[in-house]
């Protein structure tokens, strides 16, 4: 994805939010990034807030479910990419797990930058 985005701008930044902040420590996030060659990408992985805060934030800002059940270790959550403009407005939502539409994302970023 990073190579595809070089075509559009260096002003594009990826931000991911931990859905399990008690488990996703900065060290764990670094380890995760290294496994996916994300250490060199312009990709910020955020953590350091409470479980309640991320659940409310996801619902209020992205209309997305994040829920950590009382039993078990898995957090229920979506895996979408959101194109967000400079004012924080969500422009478009893309599938983020399988068949990620990279070409569509790049084209939509170009359109957003031109407007």
Protein backbone atom coordinates (compact mmCIF):
# COMPACT_ATOMS: atom_id res chain seq x y z
CA UNK A 1 0.00 0.00 0.00
CA UNK A 2 2.81 2.37 0.84
CA UNK A 3 4.22 2.16 -2.70
CA UNK A 4 0.80 2.88 -4.17
CA UNK A 5 0.45 5.91 -1.94
CA UNK A 6 3.78 7.36 -3.03
CA UNK A 7 1.95 8.20 -6.25
CA UNK A 8 -0.40 10.58 -4.47
CA UNK A 9 1.46 12.45 -1.77
CA UNK A 10 3.70 12.34 1.24
CA UNK A 11 0.89 14.16 3.09
CA UNK A 12 -1.02 10.90 3.57
CA UNK A 13 -0.83 9.35 7.00
CA UNK A 14 -2.25 6.11 8.37
CA UNK A 15 -3.51 5.93 11.93
CA UNK A 16 -4.63 2.76 13.70
CA UNK A 17 -6.28 2.62 17.08
CA UNK A 18 -5.66 -0.27 19.44
CA UNK A 19 -8.94 -1.97 20.31
CA UNK A 20 -7.29 -3.67 23.29
CA UNK A 21 -5.16 -0.97 24.94
CA UNK A 22 -4.43 -2.98 28.08
CA UNK A 23 -2.70 -5.62 25.94
CA UNK A 24 -1.32 -3.41 23.14
CA UNK A 25 1.61 -1.77 24.88
CA UNK A 26 4.09 0.33 22.85
CA UNK A 27 6.51 -2.63 22.87
CA UNK A 28 3.84 -5.03 21.60
CA UNK A 29 2.91 -2.56 18.87
CA UNK A 30 6.54 -2.24 17.76
CA UNK A 31 6.78 -6.03 17.60
CA UNK A 32 3.58 -6.18 15.53
CA UNK A 33 4.82 -3.47 13.15
CA UNK A 34 8.10 -5.32 12.60
CA UNK A 35 6.23 -8.47 11.58
CA UNK A 36 4.40 -6.58 8.84
CA UNK A 37 7.20 -4.28 7.68
CA UNK A 38 5.25 -1.32 9.06
CA UNK A 39 8.12 0.15 11.03
CA UNK A 40 9.20 2.21 8.04
CA UNK A 41 5.70 3.25 6.99
CA UNK A 42 4.07 6.56 7.85
CA UNK A 43 1.68 4.66 10.09
CA UNK A 44 0.83 5.63 13.65
CA UNK A 45 -0.50 2.99 16.06
CA UNK A 46 -2.25 4.62 18.98
CA UNK A 47 -2.80 3.21 22.45
CA UNK A 48 -2.71 4.49 26.03
CA UNK A 49 -6.41 5.09 26.63
CA UNK A 50 -8.95 2.94 28.47
CA UNK A 51 -11.09 0.19 26.97
CA UNK A 52 -14.18 2.28 27.67
CA UNK A 53 -12.68 5.29 25.85
CA UNK A 54 -11.86 3.36 22.65
CA UNK A 55 -15.28 1.70 22.62
CA UNK A 56 -17.03 5.08 22.91
CA UNK A 57 -14.62 6.75 20.44
CA UNK A 58 -15.16 4.07 17.79
CA UNK A 59 -18.94 4.29 18.13
CA UNK A 60 -19.14 8.09 18.23
CA UNK A 61 -16.64 8.85 15.46
CA UNK A 62 -16.75 5.85 13.13
CA UNK A 63 -20.09 4.21 14.01
CA UNK A 64 -17.97 1.09 14.54
CA UNK A 65 -18.30 -1.66 17.10
CA UNK A 66 -15.47 -2.26 19.54
CA UNK A 67 -16.40 -4.51 22.42
CA UNK A 68 -14.28 -6.53 24.80
CA UNK A 69 -16.41 -9.31 26.28
CA UNK A 70 -16.12 -10.05 29.99
CA UNK A 71 -15.11 -13.61 29.11
CA UNK A 72 -12.23 -14.46 26.78
CA UNK A 73 -9.40 -12.45 25.31
CA UNK A 74 -10.70 -11.50 21.86
CA UNK A 75 -12.05 -8.01 21.21
CA UNK A 76 -14.95 -7.73 18.77
CA UNK A 77 -14.15 -5.05 16.21
CA UNK A 78 -14.31 -4.12 12.55
CA UNK A 79 -11.38 -3.99 10.17
CA UNK A 80 -12.22 -1.08 7.88
CA UNK A 81 -10.11 1.69 6.40
CA UNK A 82 -11.62 5.16 6.68
CA UNK A 83 -10.62 8.01 4.41
CA UNK A 84 -10.72 11.10 6.61
CA UNK A 85 -10.20 14.61 5.28
CA UNK A 86 -8.10 17.35 6.84
CA UNK A 87 -11.12 18.53 8.87
CA UNK A 88 -11.68 15.10 10.42
CA UNK A 89 -14.73 14.27 8.29
CA UNK A 90 -15.08 10.65 7.14
CA UNK A 91 -15.22 10.69 3.35
CA UNK A 92 -15.41 6.98 2.58
CA UNK A 93 -15.17 3.54 4.22
CA UNK A 94 -13.31 0.58 2.65
CA UNK A 95 -13.04 -3.07 3.58
CA UNK A 96 -9.79 -3.62 5.45
CA UNK A 97 -9.51 -7.35 5.88
CA UNK A 98 -9.83 -9.10 2.53
CA UNK A 99 -9.71 -7.64 -0.95
CA UNK A 100 -8.68 -4.18 0.20
CA UNK A 101 -9.41 -1.86 -2.76
CA UNK A 102 -6.00 -0.17 -2.85
CA UNK A 103 -6.54 1.36 -6.27
CA UNK A 104 -9.84 2.91 -5.17
CA UNK A 105 -8.23 4.27 -2.01
CA UNK A 106 -5.38 5.87 -3.98
CA UNK A 107 -7.81 7.35 -6.52
CA UNK A 108 -10.05 8.74 -3.78
CA UNK A 109 -7.06 10.30 -2.03
CA UNK A 110 -6.11 12.01 -5.31
CA UNK A 111 -9.64 13.37 -5.68
CA UNK A 112 -9.66 14.59 -2.09
CA UNK A 113 -6.33 16.35 -2.55
CA UNK A 114 -7.55 18.10 -5.69
CA UNK A 115 -10.67 19.50 -4.04
